[in-house]
N, C-alpha and C. Protein backbone atom coordinates (compact mmCIF):
# COMPACT_ATOMS: atom_id res chain seq x y z
N UNK A 1 0.64 -1.46 0.14
CA UNK A 1 0.03 0.18 0.12
C UNK A 1 0.91 1.11 -0.12
N UNK A 2 1.67 1.59 1.03
CA UNK A 2 2.72 2.72 0.59
C UNK A 2 3.62 2.68 -0.30
N UNK A 3 3.83 1.79 -1.16
CA UNK A 3 4.52 1.97 -2.68
C UNK A 3 3.38 1.71 -3.77
N UNK A 4 1.59 1.93 -3.28
CA UNK A 4 0.85 2.09 -4.49
C UNK A 4 0.81 1.25 -5.56
N UNK A 5 1.13 -0.26 -4.88
CA UNK A 5 1.27 -1.84 -5.41
C UNK A 5 -0.61 -1.96 -5.86
N UNK A 6 -0.36 -3.01 -6.74
CA UNK A 6 -1.98 -3.42 -6.92
C UNK A 6 -2.45 -3.81 -5.51
N UNK A 7 -3.81 -3.68 -5.53
CA UNK A 7 -4.61 -4.05 -4.22
C UNK A 7 -4.21 -3.28 -3.07
N UNK A 8 -3.31 -2.13 -3.31
CA UNK A 8 -3.52 -1.19 -2.37
C UNK A 8 -4.83 -0.91 -1.69
N UNK A 9 -5.54 -0.61 -2.50
CA UNK A 9 -7.21 0.16 -2.20
C UNK A 9 -7.99 -0.69 -1.43
N UNK A 10 -7.68 -2.39 -1.42
CA UNK A 10 -8.37 -3.09 -0.52
C UNK A 10 -7.43 -2.80 0.85
N UNK A 11 -6.39 -2.97 0.65
CA UNK A 11 -5.49 -2.93 2.33
C UNK A 11 -5.91 -1.32 2.83
N UNK A 12 -6.16 -0.20 2.08
CA UNK A 12 -6.74 1.09 2.67
C UNK A 12 -8.12 0.76 3.47
N UNK A 13 -8.49 -0.16 2.93
CA UNK A 13 -10.59 -0.28 3.55
C UNK A 13 -10.53 -0.97 4.53
N UNK A 14 -9.17 -1.57 5.01
CA UNK A 14 -9.33 -2.68 6.44
C UNK A 14 -8.31 -2.00 6.95
N UNK A 15 -7.53 -0.81 6.96
CA UNK A 15 -6.43 -0.39 7.66
C UNK A 15 -6.78 -0.10 8.86
N UNK A 16 -7.83 0.20 9.29
CA UNK A 16 -8.40 1.09 10.43
C UNK A 16 -8.55 -0.12 11.28
N UNK A 17 -8.95 -1.50 11.07
CA UNK A 17 -8.93 -2.69 11.65
C UNK A 17 -7.52 -3.50 12.26
N UNK A 18 -6.80 -2.93 11.52
CA UNK A 18 -5.28 -3.89 11.55
C UNK A 18 -4.55 -3.34 12.53
N UNK A 19 -3.52 -4.82 12.87
CA UNK A 19 -2.72 -4.35 13.87
C UNK A 19 -1.48 -5.68 13.11
N UNK A 20 -0.34 -4.80 13.41
CA UNK A 20 0.87 -5.56 12.46
C UNK A 20 1.78 -6.03 13.87
N UNK A 21 2.53 -7.16 13.70
CA UNK A 21 3.46 -7.55 14.85
C UNK A 21 5.03 -6.56 14.34
N UNK A 22 5.41 -6.10 15.24
CA UNK A 22 7.17 -5.33 15.20
C UNK A 22 7.74 -5.90 14.20
N UNK A 23 7.88 -7.61 14.29
CA UNK A 23 8.77 -8.13 13.27
C UNK A 23 8.39 -7.54 11.38
N UNK A 24 7.06 -7.53 11.53
CA UNK A 24 7.10 -7.26 9.84
C UNK A 24 6.87 -5.75 9.91
N UNK A 25 6.77 -5.00 10.87
CA UNK A 25 6.95 -3.52 10.60
C UNK A 25 8.27 -3.32 10.13
N UNK A 26 9.31 -3.92 10.96
CA UNK A 26 10.71 -3.87 10.69
C UNK A 26 10.84 -4.13 9.13
N UNK A 27 10.00 -5.15 8.73
CA UNK A 27 10.29 -6.03 7.52
C UNK A 27 9.66 -4.80 6.51
N UNK A 28 8.79 -4.30 6.41
CA UNK A 28 8.09 -2.99 5.95
C UNK A 28 9.52 -2.09 5.60
N UNK A 29 9.85 -1.57 6.99
CA UNK A 29 10.98 -0.73 6.88
C UNK A 29 11.70 -1.09 6.14
N UNK A 30 12.43 -2.19 6.11
CA UNK A 30 13.65 -2.79 5.14
C UNK A 30 13.38 -2.56 3.78
N UNK A 31 11.97 -2.95 3.20
CA UNK A 31 11.59 -3.11 2.10
C UNK A 31 11.66 -1.62 1.19
N UNK A 32 10.86 -0.82 2.02
CA UNK A 32 10.85 0.64 1.68
C UNK A 32 12.66 1.19 1.46
N UNK A 33 13.23 0.93 2.54
CA UNK A 33 14.62 1.43 2.70
C UNK A 33 15.59 1.04 1.50
N UNK A 34 15.15 -0.32 0.79
CA UNK A 34 15.76 -1.03 -0.20
C UNK A 34 15.41 -0.54 -1.52
N UNK A 35 14.03 -0.01 -1.66
CA UNK A 35 13.74 0.79 -2.61
C UNK A 35 14.24 2.09 -2.88
N UNK A 36 15.33 2.76 -1.63
CA UNK A 36 15.50 4.10 -1.94
C UNK A 36 15.21 5.00 -0.94
N UNK A 37 13.97 4.47 -0.08
CA UNK A 37 13.42 5.55 0.91
C UNK A 37 14.71 5.58 2.37
N UNK A 38 14.91 6.72 2.57
CA UNK A 38 15.69 7.26 3.86
C UNK A 38 14.89 6.31 5.05
N UNK A 39 15.67 5.87 5.86
CA UNK A 39 15.46 5.51 7.30
C UNK A 39 14.45 6.29 7.98
N UNK A 40 14.37 7.49 8.29
CA UNK A 40 13.42 8.49 8.61
C UNK A 40 12.40 8.65 7.63
N UNK A 41 12.27 8.33 6.84
CA UNK A 41 11.09 8.57 5.78
C UNK A 41 10.12 7.26 6.26
N UNK A 42 11.15 6.46 5.76
CA UNK A 42 10.30 4.61 6.13
C UNK A 42 9.60 4.53 7.45
N UNK A 43 10.68 5.09 8.84
CA UNK A 43 9.66 4.83 9.63
C UNK A 43 8.40 5.62 9.62
N UNK A 44 8.70 6.92 9.44
CA UNK A 44 7.59 8.01 9.33
C UNK A 44 6.28 7.30 8.42
N UNK A 45 6.51 6.78 7.59
CA UNK A 45 5.54 5.89 6.33
C UNK A 45 4.64 5.01 7.70
N UNK A 46 5.55 4.01 8.01
CA UNK A 46 4.97 3.06 8.87
C UNK A 46 4.58 3.49 10.10
N UNK A 47 4.94 4.24 10.74
CA UNK A 47 4.57 4.63 12.04
C UNK A 47 3.55 5.53 11.67
N UNK A 48 3.32 6.48 10.67
CA UNK A 48 1.81 7.32 10.14
C UNK A 48 0.46 6.24 10.01
N UNK A 49 0.95 5.15 9.84
CA UNK A 49 -0.43 4.01 9.82
C UNK A 49 -1.20 4.12 10.98
N UNK A 50 -0.54 4.60 12.00
CA UNK A 50 -0.97 4.07 13.51
C UNK A 50 -1.83 2.77 13.53
N UNK A 51 -0.93 1.88 13.25
CA UNK A 51 -1.20 0.56 13.58
C UNK A 51 -1.03 0.27 14.84
N UNK A 52 -1.97 -0.79 15.56
CA UNK A 52 -1.56 -1.23 16.73
C UNK A 52 -0.30 -2.47 16.87
N UNK A 53 0.57 -2.02 17.67
CA UNK A 53 1.81 -2.76 17.19
C UNK A 53 1.88 -3.75 18.08
N UNK A 54 2.21 -5.41 17.52
CA UNK A 54 2.09 -6.29 18.84
C UNK A 54 3.71 -6.61 18.70
N UNK A 55 4.09 -6.32 19.99
CA UNK A 55 5.44 -6.65 20.38
C UNK A 55 5.98 -7.87 20.74
N UNK A 56 5.45 -8.88 20.91
CA UNK A 56 5.55 -9.82 21.52
C UNK A 56 4.60 -11.36 20.65
N UNK A 57 5.83 -12.13 20.56
CA UNK A 57 5.03 -13.47 19.86
C UNK A 57 4.39 -14.26 21.10
N UNK A 58 2.99 -14.57 21.50
CA UNK A 58 3.15 -15.32 22.42
C UNK A 58 3.07 -16.93 22.23
N UNK A 59 3.37 -17.49 21.24
CA UNK A 59 3.59 -18.88 20.84
C UNK A 59 4.26 -19.24 20.09
N UNK A 60 5.76 -18.90 20.23
CA UNK A 60 6.97 -19.01 19.08
C UNK A 60 6.70 -20.73 19.09
N UNK A 61 5.97 -21.91 19.89
CA UNK A 61 5.99 -23.04 19.18
C UNK A 61 5.27 -23.21 17.88
N UNK A 62 4.16 -22.25 17.83
CA UNK A 62 2.98 -22.21 16.78
C UNK A 62 3.71 -21.82 15.71
N UNK A 63 4.62 -20.62 15.92
CA UNK A 63 5.28 -20.31 14.65
C UNK A 63 6.45 -21.28 14.08
N UNK A 64 7.24 -21.99 15.15
CA UNK A 64 8.11 -22.57 14.84
C UNK A 64 7.38 -23.97 13.89
N UNK A 65 6.66 -24.25 14.24
CA UNK A 65 5.85 -25.10 13.86
C UNK A 65 5.42 -25.08 12.38
N UNK A 66 5.00 -23.78 12.31
CA UNK A 66 4.47 -23.36 10.77
C UNK A 66 5.39 -23.14 10.13
N UNK A 67 6.70 -22.62 10.66
CA UNK A 67 8.07 -22.28 9.61
C UNK A 67 8.82 -24.01 9.21
N UNK A 68 8.39 -24.96 10.19
CA UNK A 68 9.11 -25.86 9.98
C UNK A 68 8.24 -27.41 8.70
N UNK A 69 6.96 -27.10 9.06
CA UNK A 69 6.03 -27.76 8.24
C UNK A 69 5.47 -27.72 6.66
N UNK A 70 5.47 -25.96 6.80
CA UNK A 70 5.30 -25.66 5.71
C UNK A 70 6.43 -24.87 4.46
N UNK A 71 7.43 -25.49 4.73
CA UNK A 71 8.51 -24.63 4.06
C UNK A 71 8.17 -25.14 2.59
N UNK A 72 7.39 -26.10 2.04
CA UNK A 72 7.28 -26.21 0.74
C UNK A 72 6.52 -24.91 -0.16
N UNK A 73 6.21 -23.78 0.61
CA UNK A 73 5.52 -22.48 0.61
C UNK A 73 6.50 -21.35 0.51
N UNK A 74 7.80 -21.79 0.78
CA UNK A 74 8.71 -20.45 1.39
C UNK A 74 8.54 -19.83 2.27
N UNK A 75 7.84 -20.25 3.11
CA UNK A 75 7.66 -19.14 4.13
C UNK A 75 9.09 -18.55 4.82
N UNK A 76 9.01 -17.10 5.15
CA UNK A 76 9.84 -16.79 5.76
C UNK A 76 9.47 -16.78 7.29
N UNK A 77 10.38 -16.55 8.02
CA UNK A 77 10.43 -16.16 9.76
C UNK A 77 9.12 -15.26 9.93
N UNK A 78 9.44 -14.20 8.95
CA UNK A 78 8.71 -12.92 9.09
C UNK A 78 7.05 -13.32 8.77
N UNK A 79 7.08 -14.30 7.72
CA UNK A 79 5.60 -14.87 7.10
C UNK A 79 4.90 -15.48 8.22
N UNK A 80 5.83 -16.24 9.06
CA UNK A 80 5.42 -17.10 10.00
C UNK A 80 4.67 -16.20 10.97
N UNK A 81 5.27 -15.60 11.42
CA UNK A 81 5.08 -14.26 12.21
C UNK A 81 3.96 -13.77 12.24
N UNK A 82 3.59 -13.27 11.10
CA UNK A 82 2.14 -12.81 10.83
C UNK A 82 1.37 -13.62 10.84
N UNK A 83 1.61 -14.90 10.37
CA UNK A 83 0.19 -15.87 10.22
C UNK A 83 0.08 -16.40 11.41
N UNK A 84 1.32 -16.34 12.45
CA UNK A 84 0.91 -17.23 13.85
C UNK A 84 -0.02 -15.89 14.72
N UNK A 85 0.46 -14.63 14.15
CA UNK A 85 -0.32 -13.54 15.34
C UNK A 85 -1.72 -13.29 14.82
N UNK A 86 -1.80 -13.68 13.27
CA UNK A 86 -3.29 -13.48 13.55
C UNK A 86 -4.20 -14.68 13.76
N UNK A 87 -3.53 -15.59 13.79
CA UNK A 87 -4.05 -16.77 14.22
C UNK A 87 -4.54 -16.99 15.80
N UNK A 88 -3.74 -16.35 16.44
CA UNK A 88 -3.32 -16.13 18.10
C UNK A 88 -5.12 -14.95 18.00
N UNK A 89 -5.25 -14.02 17.46
CA UNK A 89 -5.66 -12.82 17.38
C UNK A 89 -6.98 -13.34 17.05
N UNK A 90 -7.27 -14.15 16.34
CA UNK A 90 -8.28 -14.59 15.42
C UNK A 90 -8.91 -13.64 14.92
N UNK A 91 -7.42 -13.46 13.96
CA UNK A 91 -7.76 -12.16 12.93
C UNK A 91 -7.80 -12.95 11.15
N UNK A 92 -7.81 -11.87 10.73
CA UNK A 92 -7.42 -12.92 9.17
C UNK A 92 -5.86 -11.77 8.33
N UNK A 93 -5.02 -12.88 8.15
CA UNK A 93 -3.89 -12.46 7.75
C UNK A 93 -4.06 -11.85 6.14
N UNK A 94 -3.98 -10.48 6.22
CA UNK A 94 -3.76 -10.40 4.74
C UNK A 94 -2.83 -9.81 3.79
N UNK A 95 -2.56 -10.72 2.62
CA UNK A 95 -1.10 -10.43 2.06
C UNK A 95 -1.70 -10.54 0.37
N UNK A 96 -0.44 -10.23 -0.03
CA UNK A 96 -0.48 -10.09 -1.62
C UNK A 96 0.31 -11.57 -1.96
N UNK A 97 0.56 -12.22 -0.87
CA UNK A 97 1.37 -13.57 -1.31
C UNK A 97 0.57 -14.72 -1.46
N UNK A 98 -0.02 -14.97 -3.26
CA UNK A 98 -0.57 -16.25 -3.41
C UNK A 98 -0.69 -17.57 -2.83
N UNK A 99 0.63 -17.77 -2.34
CA UNK A 99 1.36 -18.87 -2.01
C UNK A 99 0.46 -19.01 -0.34
N UNK A 100 0.15 -17.85 0.60
CA UNK A 100 -0.50 -18.07 1.42
C UNK A 100 -1.81 -18.64 1.58
N UNK A 101 -2.69 -18.70 0.51
CA UNK A 101 -3.67 -19.06 0.50
C UNK A 101 -4.07 -20.29 0.68
N UNK A 102 -2.82 -21.23 0.30
CA UNK A 102 -2.76 -22.42 0.68
C UNK A 102 -3.43 -22.82 2.16
N UNK A 103 -2.87 -21.68 2.89
CA UNK A 103 -3.16 -22.22 4.26
C UNK A 103 -4.07 -21.50 4.94
N UNK A 104 -5.48 -21.27 4.27
CA UNK A 104 -6.36 -20.52 4.58
C UNK A 104 -7.27 -21.82 5.67
N UNK A 105 -7.64 -21.96 6.37
CA UNK A 105 -8.41 -22.65 7.04
C UNK A 105 -7.67 -23.94 7.77
N UNK A 106 -6.60 -24.14 7.56
CA UNK A 106 -5.54 -25.01 8.14
C UNK A 106 -5.75 -25.19 9.88
N UNK A 107 -5.47 -26.12 10.56
CA UNK A 107 -5.73 -26.02 11.93
C UNK A 107 -4.37 -25.93 12.26
N UNK A 108 -3.83 -24.76 13.08
CA UNK A 108 -2.70 -24.70 13.82
C UNK A 108 -2.58 -25.00 15.08
N UNK A 109 -2.14 -26.12 15.12
CA UNK A 109 -2.45 -26.63 16.98
C UNK A 109 -3.37 -26.23 17.57
N UNK A 110 -4.57 -26.56 16.88
CA UNK A 110 -5.67 -25.68 17.84
C UNK A 110 -6.37 -24.31 17.33
N UNK A 111 -5.71 -23.80 16.63
CA UNK A 111 -6.16 -22.06 15.82
C UNK A 111 -6.63 -22.24 14.08
N UNK A 112 -7.38 -21.77 14.12
CA UNK A 112 -7.70 -21.70 12.85
C UNK A 112 -7.14 -20.77 11.80
N UNK A 113 -6.31 -20.96 10.90
CA UNK A 113 -5.32 -19.98 10.53
C UNK A 113 -6.39 -19.39 9.06
N UNK A 114 -6.85 -18.23 9.12
CA UNK A 114 -7.76 -17.47 7.88
C UNK A 114 -6.20 -16.41 7.37
N UNK A 115 -6.90 -16.57 5.71
CA UNK A 115 -5.72 -15.61 4.71
C UNK A 115 -6.75 -15.19 3.88
N UNK A 116 -6.61 -13.90 3.51
CA UNK A 116 -6.97 -13.17 2.61
C UNK A 116 -6.07 -12.64 1.55
N UNK A 117 -6.40 -12.86 0.67
CA UNK A 117 -5.35 -12.19 -0.68
C UNK A 117 -5.80 -11.24 -1.32
N UNK A 118 -4.96 -10.46 -1.58
CA UNK A 118 -5.63 -9.04 -1.80
C UNK A 118 -5.52 -8.62 -3.40
N UNK A 119 -4.57 -9.52 -4.29
CA UNK A 119 -4.64 -8.96 -5.58
C UNK A 119 -4.33 -10.42 -6.25
């Protein structure tokens, strides 16, 4: 959304209901910086979204399980943090990554994982 990619409008439509793990915020800042945005501007862009920041991962076991068992999808640690945080919050993980759709509805050790692909 910050770089006006396809699907941005769908993100804007749910932004007021969103939270993001601090690990994923760091990923967004890094991606912005790799595209040429200075650190202070990248931080301002992310913090300017006024998202609720989830500072900790309450269940690293579920996150590790997802990372270990879904390697066929090429999930990163950041992906698994996002997905696990959504499952623990009983929320929907919103992504542009079509591979995540394969995870929609799976049982993550007693928690249902829900995924919405925006484009």
